[in-house]
Amino acid sequence: MTDSSVVSMGMQAIQVAITVSAPILIAAAAVGVIMGLFQAVTQIQEVSLSFIPKIVAVAVVGALFGPWMLRILVEYTARLLTSLPGVAK
């Protein structure tokens, strides 16, 4: 196992983690900004007002993008497991 193979595997893992988590993080951030603007305009300072829409947005995005995220993770895991015998040398 060379240093470059370890770095490559680490970079691939980080790339997959970012790719899989991006839709949910973007949805939560967008809803948070929109609700923050709404609260600022209406001067409503209720914490649960921004919390509930974020949960709903994350659930909807998770339901919509869940199969895609699972496919990405399964493909990465399969690639990783097939490359392990060559890495152990």
PDB file of N, CA and C in Angstrom:
ATOM      1  N   MET A   1       0.851  -1.174   0.000  1.00  0.00           N
ATOM      2  CA  MET A   1       0.000   0.000   0.000  1.00  0.00           C
ATOM      3  C   MET A   1       0.893   1.231   0.000  1.00  0.00           C
ATOM      4  N   THR A   2       0.734   2.042  -1.000  1.00  0.00           N
ATOM      5  CA  THR A   2       1.547   3.248  -1.092  1.00  0.00           C
ATOM      6  C   THR A   2       0.786   4.434  -0.499  1.00  0.00           C
ATOM      7  N   ASP A   3       1.552   5.482  -0.259  1.00  0.00           N
ATOM      8  CA  ASP A   3       0.935   6.688   0.285  1.00  0.00           C
ATOM      9  C   ASP A   3      -0.084   7.281  -0.684  1.00  0.00           C
ATOM     10  N   SER A   4       0.225   7.213  -1.958  1.00  0.00           N
ATOM     11  CA  SER A   4      -0.687   7.799  -2.947  1.00  0.00           C
ATOM     12  C   SER A   4      -2.014   7.041  -3.012  1.00  0.00           C
ATOM     13  N   SER A   5      -1.980   5.724  -2.813  1.00  0.00           N
ATOM     14  CA  SER A   5      -3.241   4.971  -2.832  1.00  0.00           C
ATOM     15  C   SER A   5      -4.095   5.298  -1.611  1.00  0.00           C
ATOM     16  N   VAL A   6      -3.455   5.499  -0.476  1.00  0.00           N
ATOM     17  CA  VAL A   6      -4.197   5.879   0.730  1.00  0.00           C
ATOM     18  C   VAL A   6      -4.813   7.264   0.558  1.00  0.00           C
ATOM     19  N   VAL A   7      -4.040   8.195   0.019  1.00  0.00           N
ATOM     20  CA  VAL A   7      -4.546   9.551  -0.214  1.00  0.00           C
ATOM     21  C   VAL A   7      -5.681   9.515  -1.232  1.00  0.00           C
ATOM     22  N   SER A   8      -5.535   8.711  -2.274  1.00  0.00           N
ATOM     23  CA  SER A   8      -6.578   8.599  -3.294  1.00  0.00           C
ATOM     24  C   SER A   8      -7.868   8.035  -2.705  1.00  0.00           C
ATOM     25  N   MET A   9      -7.747   7.004  -1.884  1.00  0.00           N
ATOM     26  CA  MET A   9      -8.933   6.428  -1.253  1.00  0.00           C
ATOM     27  C   MET A   9      -9.591   7.431  -0.313  1.00  0.00           C
ATOM     28  N   GLY A  10      -8.800   8.184   0.406  1.00  0.00           N
ATOM     29  CA  GLY A  10      -9.347   9.204   1.294  1.00  0.00           C
ATOM     30  C   GLY A  10     -10.053  10.306   0.530  1.00  0.00           C
ATOM     31  N   MET A  11      -9.450  10.728  -0.574  1.00  0.00           N
ATOM     32  CA  MET A  11     -10.072  11.771  -1.399  1.00  0.00           C
ATOM     33  C   MET A  11     -11.389  11.289  -1.996  1.00  0.00           C
ATOM     34  N   GLN A  12     -11.423  10.033  -2.434  1.00  0.00           N
ATOM     35  CA  GLN A  12     -12.664   9.483  -2.975  1.00  0.00           C
ATOM     36  C   GLN A  12     -13.747   9.416  -1.903  1.00  0.00           C
ATOM     37  N   ALA A  13     -13.366   9.038  -0.689  1.00  0.00           N
ATOM     38  CA  ALA A  13     -14.340   8.964   0.403  1.00  0.00           C
ATOM     39  C   ALA A  13     -14.910  10.340   0.723  1.00  0.00           C
ATOM     40  N   ILE A  14     -14.054  11.348   0.753  1.00  0.00           N
ATOM     41  CA  ILE A  14     -14.521  12.712   1.024  1.00  0.00           C
ATOM     42  C   ILE A  14     -15.415  13.202  -0.107  1.00  0.00           C
ATOM     43  N   GLN A  15     -15.044  12.900  -1.341  1.00  0.00           N
ATOM     44  CA  GLN A  15     -15.845  13.322  -2.489  1.00  0.00           C
ATOM     45  C   GLN A  15     -17.232  12.675  -2.451  1.00  0.00           C
ATOM     46  N   VAL A  16     -17.294  11.402  -2.121  1.00  0.00           N
ATOM     47  CA  VAL A  16     -18.589  10.720  -2.032  1.00  0.00           C
ATOM     48  C   VAL A  16     -19.417  11.299  -0.887  1.00  0.00           C
ATOM     49  N   ALA A  17     -18.780  11.568   0.246  1.00  0.00           N
ATOM     50  CA  ALA A  17     -19.508  12.142   1.383  1.00  0.00           C
ATOM     51  C   ALA A  17     -20.086  13.507   1.041  1.00  0.00           C
ATOM     52  N   ILE A  18     -19.315  14.332   0.365  1.00  0.00           N
ATOM     53  CA  ILE A  18     -19.807  15.660  -0.029  1.00  0.00           C
ATOM     54  C   ILE A  18     -20.930  15.530  -1.056  1.00  0.00           C
ATOM     55  N   THR A  19     -20.756  14.645  -2.019  1.00  0.00           N
ATOM     56  CA  THR A  19     -21.767  14.460  -3.059  1.00  0.00           C
ATOM     57  C   THR A  19     -23.090  13.979  -2.472  1.00  0.00           C
ATOM     58  N   VAL A  20     -23.017  13.048  -1.540  1.00  0.00           N
ATOM     59  CA  VAL A  20     -24.233  12.476  -0.967  1.00  0.00           C
ATOM     60  C   VAL A  20     -24.925  13.455  -0.020  1.00  0.00           C
ATOM     61  N   SER A  21     -24.157  14.217   0.732  1.00  0.00           N
ATOM     62  CA  SER A  21     -24.766  15.113   1.719  1.00  0.00           C
ATOM     63  C   SER A  21     -25.186  16.459   1.138  1.00  0.00           C
ATOM     64  N   ALA A  22     -24.706  16.807  -0.041  1.00  0.00           N
ATOM     65  CA  ALA A  22     -24.981  18.132  -0.614  1.00  0.00           C
ATOM     66  C   ALA A  22     -26.466  18.448  -0.796  1.00  0.00           C
ATOM     67  N   PRO A  23     -27.290  17.562  -1.351  1.00  0.00           N
ATOM     68  CA  PRO A  23     -28.700  17.941  -1.538  1.00  0.00           C
ATOM     69  C   PRO A  23     -29.412  18.290  -0.231  1.00  0.00           C
ATOM     70  N   ILE A  24     -29.165  17.523   0.806  1.00  0.00           N
ATOM     71  CA  ILE A  24     -29.833  17.785   2.086  1.00  0.00           C
ATOM     72  C   ILE A  24     -29.302  19.063   2.715  1.00  0.00           C
ATOM     73  N   LEU A  25     -27.999  19.267   2.657  1.00  0.00           N
ATOM     74  CA  LEU A  25     -27.429  20.485   3.236  1.00  0.00           C
ATOM     75  C   LEU A  25     -27.890  21.731   2.493  1.00  0.00           C
ATOM     76  N   ILE A  26     -27.954  21.658   1.181  1.00  0.00           N
ATOM     77  CA  ILE A  26     -28.404  22.809   0.393  1.00  0.00           C
ATOM     78  C   ILE A  26     -29.868  23.124   0.692  1.00  0.00           C
ATOM     79  N   ALA A  27     -30.696  22.087   0.789  1.00  0.00           N
ATOM     80  CA  ALA A  27     -32.114  22.313   1.090  1.00  0.00           C
ATOM     81  C   ALA A  27     -32.292  22.936   2.469  1.00  0.00           C
ATOM     82  N   ALA A  28     -31.583  22.417   3.467  1.00  0.00           N
ATOM     83  CA  ALA A  28     -31.701  22.962   4.821  1.00  0.00           C
ATOM     84  C   ALA A  28     -31.200  24.398   4.880  1.00  0.00           C
ATOM     85  N   ALA A  29     -30.109  24.685   4.194  1.00  0.00           N
ATOM     86  CA  ALA A  29     -29.577  26.052   4.193  1.00  0.00           C
ATOM     87  C   ALA A  29     -30.520  27.012   3.476  1.00  0.00           C
ATOM     88  N   ALA A  30     -31.074  26.580   2.353  1.00  0.00           N
ATOM     89  CA  ALA A  30     -31.991  27.448   1.605  1.00  0.00           C
ATOM     90  C   ALA A  30     -33.245  27.752   2.414  1.00  0.00           C
ATOM     91  N   VAL A  31     -33.809  26.735   3.030  1.00  0.00           N
ATOM     92  CA  VAL A  31     -35.003  26.956   3.852  1.00  0.00           C
ATOM     93  C   VAL A  31     -34.659  27.823   5.054  1.00  0.00           C
ATOM     94  N   GLY A  32     -33.491  27.634   5.637  1.00  0.00           N
ATOM     95  CA  GLY A  32     -33.073  28.467   6.762  1.00  0.00           C
ATOM     96  C   GLY A  32     -32.946  29.931   6.387  1.00  0.00           C
ATOM     97  N   VAL A  33     -32.366  30.198   5.225  1.00  0.00           N
ATOM     98  CA  VAL A  33     -32.224  31.588   4.768  1.00  0.00           C
ATOM     99  C   VAL A  33     -33.593  32.197   4.473  1.00  0.00           C
ATOM    100  N   ILE A  34     -34.434  31.440   3.791  1.00  0.00           N
ATOM    101  CA  ILE A  34     -35.773  31.953   3.471  1.00  0.00           C
ATOM    102  C   ILE A  34     -36.566  32.231   4.746  1.00  0.00           C
ATOM    103  N   MET A  35     -36.510  31.314   5.694  1.00  0.00           N
ATOM    104  CA  MET A  35     -37.249  31.524   6.944  1.00  0.00           C
ATOM    105  C   MET A  35     -36.637  32.658   7.754  1.00  0.00           C
ATOM    106  N   GLY A  36     -35.338  32.818   7.703  1.00  0.00           N
ATOM    107  CA  GLY A  36     -34.691  33.938   8.386  1.00  0.00           C
ATOM    108  C   GLY A  36     -35.124  35.270   7.808  1.00  0.00           C
ATOM    109  N   LEU A  37     -35.191  35.336   6.479  1.00  0.00           N
ATOM    110  CA  LEU A  37     -35.684  36.555   5.833  1.00  0.00           C
ATOM    111  C   LEU A  37     -37.144  36.820   6.197  1.00  0.00           C
ATOM    112  N   PHE A  38     -37.941  35.762   6.197  1.00  0.00           N
ATOM    113  CA  PHE A  38     -39.351  35.902   6.561  1.00  0.00           C
ATOM    114  C   PHE A  38     -39.496  36.404   7.998  1.00  0.00           C
ATOM    115  N   GLN A  39     -38.701  35.852   8.902  1.00  0.00           N
ATOM    116  CA  GLN A  39     -38.764  36.288  10.297  1.00  0.00           C
ATOM    117  C   GLN A  39     -38.279  37.722  10.450  1.00  0.00           C
ATOM    118  N   ALA A  40     -37.281  38.107   9.689  1.00  0.00           N
ATOM    119  CA  ALA A  40     -36.779  39.476   9.777  1.00  0.00           C
ATOM    120  C   ALA A  40     -37.801  40.476   9.238  1.00  0.00           C
ATOM    121  N   VAL A  41     -38.465  40.109   8.147  1.00  0.00           N
ATOM    122  CA  VAL A  41     -39.450  41.011   7.548  1.00  0.00           C
ATOM    123  C   VAL A  41     -40.678  41.154   8.444  1.00  0.00           C
ATOM    124  N   THR A  42     -41.128  40.031   9.002  1.00  0.00           N
ATOM    125  CA  THR A  42     -42.341  40.069   9.822  1.00  0.00           C
ATOM    126  C   THR A  42     -42.053  40.325  11.296  1.00  0.00           C
ATOM    127  N   GLN A  43     -40.804  40.375  11.681  1.00  0.00           N
ATOM    128  CA  GLN A  43     -40.361  40.582  13.062  1.00  0.00           C
ATOM    129  C   GLN A  43     -40.897  39.509  14.010  1.00  0.00           C
ATOM    130  N   ILE A  44     -41.067  38.312  13.489  1.00  0.00           N
ATOM    131  CA  ILE A  44     -41.463  37.171  14.315  1.00  0.00           C
ATOM    132  C   ILE A  44     -40.185  36.459  14.737  1.00  0.00           C
ATOM    133  N   GLN A  45     -39.967  36.314  16.022  1.00  0.00           N
ATOM    134  CA  GLN A  45     -38.750  35.674  16.529  1.00  0.00           C
ATOM    135  C   GLN A  45     -39.097  34.363  17.230  1.00  0.00           C
ATOM    136  N   GLU A  46     -39.672  33.449  16.495  1.00  0.00           N
ATOM    137  CA  GLU A  46     -40.057  32.152  17.032  1.00  0.00           C
ATOM    138  C   GLU A  46     -39.103  31.094  16.482  1.00  0.00           C
ATOM    139  N   VAL A  47     -38.457  30.352  17.379  1.00  0.00           N
ATOM    140  CA  VAL A  47     -37.458  29.363  16.963  1.00  0.00           C
ATOM    141  C   VAL A  47     -38.103  28.218  16.195  1.00  0.00           C
ATOM    142  N   SER A  48     -39.241  27.747  16.658  1.00  0.00           N
ATOM    143  CA  SER A  48     -39.883  26.605  16.003  1.00  0.00           C
ATOM    144  C   SER A  48     -40.387  26.950  14.606  1.00  0.00           C
ATOM    145  N   LEU A  49     -40.568  28.215  14.320  1.00  0.00           N
ATOM    146  CA  LEU A  49     -41.034  28.623  13.000  1.00  0.00           C
ATOM    147  C   LEU A  49     -40.009  28.286  11.916  1.00  0.00           C
ATOM    148  N   SER A  50     -38.739  28.340  12.239  1.00  0.00           N
ATOM    149  CA  SER A  50     -37.717  27.980  11.251  1.00  0.00           C
ATOM    150  C   SER A  50     -37.321  26.512  11.343  1.00  0.00           C
ATOM    151  N   PHE A  51     -37.576  25.888  12.475  1.00  0.00           N
ATOM    152  CA  PHE A  51     -37.159  24.507  12.684  1.00  0.00           C
ATOM    153  C   PHE A  51     -38.055  23.527  11.927  1.00  0.00           C
ATOM    154  N   ILE A  52     -39.345  23.708  11.996  1.00  0.00           N
ATOM    155  CA  ILE A  52     -40.291  22.784  11.367  1.00  0.00           C
ATOM    156  C   ILE A  52     -40.142  22.762   9.837  1.00  0.00           C
ATOM    157  N   PRO A  53     -40.064  23.905   9.155  1.00  0.00           N
ATOM    158  CA  PRO A  53     -39.873  23.844   7.694  1.00  0.00           C
ATOM    159  C   PRO A  53     -38.556  23.179   7.283  1.00  0.00           C
ATOM    160  N   LYS A  54     -37.512  23.343   8.090  1.00  0.00           N
ATOM    161  CA  LYS A  54     -36.240  22.671   7.773  1.00  0.00           C
ATOM    162  C   LYS A  54     -36.406  21.162   7.842  1.00  0.00           C
ATOM    163  N   ILE A  55     -37.105  20.683   8.869  1.00  0.00           N
ATOM    164  CA  ILE A  55     -37.328  19.241   8.999  1.00  0.00           C
ATOM    165  C   ILE A  55     -38.124  18.721   7.805  1.00  0.00           C
ATOM    166  N   VAL A  56     -39.150  19.448   7.424  1.00  0.00           N
ATOM    167  CA  VAL A  56     -39.971  19.035   6.279  1.00  0.00           C
ATOM    168  C   VAL A  56     -39.138  19.035   4.998  1.00  0.00           C
ATOM    169  N   ALA A  57     -38.337  20.071   4.793  1.00  0.00           N
ATOM    170  CA  ALA A  57     -37.509  20.154   3.585  1.00  0.00           C
ATOM    171  C   ALA A  57     -36.493  19.019   3.533  1.00  0.00           C
ATOM    172  N   VAL A  58     -35.864  18.730   4.660  1.00  0.00           N
ATOM    173  CA  VAL A  58     -34.882  17.641   4.700  1.00  0.00           C
ATOM    174  C   VAL A  58     -35.565  16.304   4.442  1.00  0.00           C
ATOM    175  N   ALA A  59     -36.759  16.102   4.993  1.00  0.00           N
ATOM    176  CA  ALA A  59     -37.483  14.849   4.760  1.00  0.00           C
ATOM    177  C   ALA A  59     -37.879  14.702   3.290  1.00  0.00           C
ATOM    178  N   VAL A  60     -38.341  15.781   2.681  1.00  0.00           N
ATOM    179  CA  VAL A  60     -38.748  15.725   1.272  1.00  0.00           C
ATOM    180  C   VAL A  60     -37.537  15.470   0.375  1.00  0.00           C
ATOM    181  N   VAL A  61     -36.453  16.189   0.623  1.00  0.00           N
ATOM    182  CA  VAL A  61     -35.243  15.993  -0.186  1.00  0.00           C
ATOM    183  C   VAL A  61     -34.676  14.593   0.041  1.00  0.00           C
ATOM    184  N   GLY A  62     -34.726  14.121   1.280  1.00  0.00           N
ATOM    185  CA  GLY A  62     -34.270  12.760   1.556  1.00  0.00           C
ATOM    186  C   GLY A  62     -35.099  11.718   0.829  1.00  0.00           C
ATOM    187  N   ALA A  63     -36.403  11.941   0.762  1.00  0.00           N
ATOM    188  CA  ALA A  63     -37.269  11.004   0.048  1.00  0.00           C
ATOM    189  C   ALA A  63     -37.036  11.066  -1.460  1.00  0.00           C
ATOM    190  N   LEU A  64     -36.823  12.261  -1.979  1.00  0.00           N
ATOM    191  CA  LEU A  64     -36.616  12.405  -3.424  1.00  0.00           C
ATOM    192  C   LEU A  64     -35.242  11.915  -3.872  1.00  0.00           C
ATOM    193  N   PHE A  65     -34.211  12.276  -3.114  1.00  0.00           N
ATOM    194  CA  PHE A  65     -32.844  11.945  -3.508  1.00  0.00           C
ATOM    195  C   PHE A  65     -32.309  10.684  -2.825  1.00  0.00           C
ATOM    196  N   GLY A  66     -33.103  10.063  -1.962  1.00  0.00           N
ATOM    197  CA  GLY A  66     -32.654   8.876  -1.235  1.00  0.00           C
ATOM    198  C   GLY A  66     -32.155   7.748  -2.124  1.00  0.00           C
ATOM    199  N   PRO A  67     -32.924   7.357  -3.149  1.00  0.00           N
ATOM    200  CA  PRO A  67     -32.437   6.280  -4.021  1.00  0.00           C
ATOM    201  C   PRO A  67     -31.126   6.631  -4.722  1.00  0.00           C
ATOM    202  N   TRP A  68     -30.997   7.876  -5.146  1.00  0.00           N
ATOM    203  CA  TRP A  68     -29.757   8.314  -5.796  1.00  0.00           C
ATOM    204  C   TRP A  68     -28.582   8.264  -4.813  1.00  0.00           C
ATOM    205  N   MET A  69     -28.808   8.751  -3.592  1.00  0.00           N
ATOM    206  CA  MET A  69     -27.749   8.725  -2.576  1.00  0.00           C
ATOM    207  C   MET A  69     -27.338   7.292  -2.260  1.00  0.00           C
ATOM    208  N   LEU A  70     -28.327   6.419  -2.126  1.00  0.00           N
ATOM    209  CA  LEU A  70     -28.030   5.023  -1.827  1.00  0.00           C
ATOM    210  C   LEU A  70     -27.250   4.376  -2.963  1.00  0.00           C
ATOM    211  N   ARG A  71     -27.616   4.688  -4.203  1.00  0.00           N
ATOM    212  CA  ARG A  71     -26.893   4.129  -5.357  1.00  0.00           C
ATOM    213  C   ARG A  71     -25.440   4.585  -5.366  1.00  0.00           C
ATOM    214  N   ILE A  72     -25.200   5.873  -5.083  1.00  0.00           N
ATOM    215  CA  ILE A  72     -23.834   6.399  -5.041  1.00  0.00           C
ATOM    216  C   ILE A  72     -23.031   5.683  -3.955  1.00  0.00           C
ATOM    217  N   LEU A  73     -23.629   5.512  -2.780  1.00  0.00           N
ATOM    218  CA  LEU A  73     -22.923   4.851  -1.680  1.00  0.00           C
ATOM    219  C   LEU A  73     -22.648   3.382  -1.977  1.00  0.00           C
ATOM    220  N   VAL A  74     -23.606   2.696  -2.589  1.00  0.00           N
ATOM    221  CA  VAL A  74     -23.409   1.281  -2.917  1.00  0.00           C
ATOM    222  C   VAL A  74     -22.321   1.128  -3.975  1.00  0.00           C
ATOM    223  N   GLU A  75     -22.329   1.994  -4.988  1.00  0.00           N
ATOM    224  CA  GLU A  75     -21.291   1.924  -6.022  1.00  0.00           C
ATOM    225  C   GLU A  75     -19.910   2.194  -5.439  1.00  0.00           C
ATOM    226  N   TYR A  76     -19.814   3.183  -4.553  1.00  0.00           N
ATOM    227  CA  TYR A  76     -18.521   3.486  -3.929  1.00  0.00           C
ATOM    228  C   TYR A  76     -18.059   2.316  -3.068  1.00  0.00           C
ATOM    229  N   THR A  77     -18.969   1.746  -2.295  1.00  0.00           N
ATOM    230  CA  THR A  77     -18.602   0.617  -1.436  1.00  0.00           C
ATOM    231  C   THR A  77     -18.156  -0.575  -2.270  1.00  0.00           C
ATOM    232  N   ALA A  78     -18.839  -0.839  -3.368  1.00  0.00           N
ATOM    233  CA  ALA A  78     -18.445  -1.950  -4.243  1.00  0.00           C
ATOM    234  C   ALA A  78     -17.059  -1.712  -4.831  1.00  0.00           C
ATOM    235  N   ARG A  79     -16.798  -0.470  -5.289  1.00  0.00           N
ATOM    236  CA  ARG A  79     -15.460  -0.149  -5.815  1.00  0.00           C
ATOM    237  C   ARG A  79     -14.397  -0.314  -4.738  1.00  0.00           C
ATOM    238  N   LEU A  80     -14.715   0.140  -3.542  1.00  0.00           N
ATOM    239  CA  LEU A  80     -13.752   0.058  -2.446  1.00  0.00           C
ATOM    240  C   LEU A  80     -13.454  -1.394  -2.081  1.00  0.00           C
ATOM    241  N   LEU A  81     -14.492  -2.208  -1.986  1.00  0.00           N
ATOM    242  CA  LEU A  81     -14.291  -3.605  -1.604  1.00  0.00           C
ATOM    243  C   LEU A  81     -13.574  -4.402  -2.691  1.00  0.00           C
ATOM    244  N   THR A  82     -13.805  -4.068  -3.956  1.00  0.00           N
ATOM    245  CA  THR A  82     -13.087  -4.780  -5.019  1.00  0.00           C
ATOM    246  C   THR A  82     -11.631  -4.346  -5.109  1.00  0.00           C
ATOM    247  N   SER A  83     -11.322  -3.147  -4.646  1.00  0.00           N
ATOM    248  CA  SER A  83      -9.935  -2.681  -4.709  1.00  0.00           C
ATOM    249  C   SER A  83      -9.126  -3.064  -3.470  1.00  0.00           C
ATOM    250  N   LEU A  84      -9.764  -3.540  -2.433  1.00  0.00           N
ATOM    251  CA  LEU A  84      -9.035  -3.875  -1.205  1.00  0.00           C
ATOM    252  C   LEU A  84      -7.994  -4.979  -1.375  1.00  0.00           C
ATOM    253  N   PRO A  85      -8.265  -6.057  -2.102  1.00  0.00           N
ATOM    254  CA  PRO A  85      -7.208  -7.071  -2.251  1.00  0.00           C
ATOM    255  C   PRO A  85      -5.937  -6.524  -2.900  1.00  0.00           C
ATOM    256  N   GLY A  86      -6.067  -5.622  -3.834  1.00  0.00           N
ATOM    257  CA  GLY A  86      -4.899  -5.031  -4.478  1.00  0.00           C
ATOM    258  C   GLY A  86      -4.172  -4.056  -3.578  1.00  0.00           C
ATOM    259  N   VAL A  87      -4.880  -3.452  -2.653  1.00  0.00           N
ATOM    260  CA  VAL A  87      -4.279  -2.474  -1.748  1.00  0.00           C
ATOM    261  C   VAL A  87      -3.497  -3.167  -0.645  1.00  0.00           C
ATOM    262  N   ALA A  88      -3.916  -4.352  -0.255  1.00  0.00           N
ATOM    263  CA  ALA A  88      -3.290  -5.048   0.866  1.00  0.00           C
ATOM    264  C   ALA A  88      -1.899  -5.572   0.538  1.00  0.00           C
ATOM    265  N   LYS A  89      -1.505  -5.553  -0.709  1.00  0.00           N
ATOM    266  CA  LYS A  89      -0.186  -6.075  -1.086  1.00  0.00           C
ATOM    267  C   LYS A  89       0.916  -5.158  -0.652  1.00  0.00           C
TER     268      LYS A  89
END
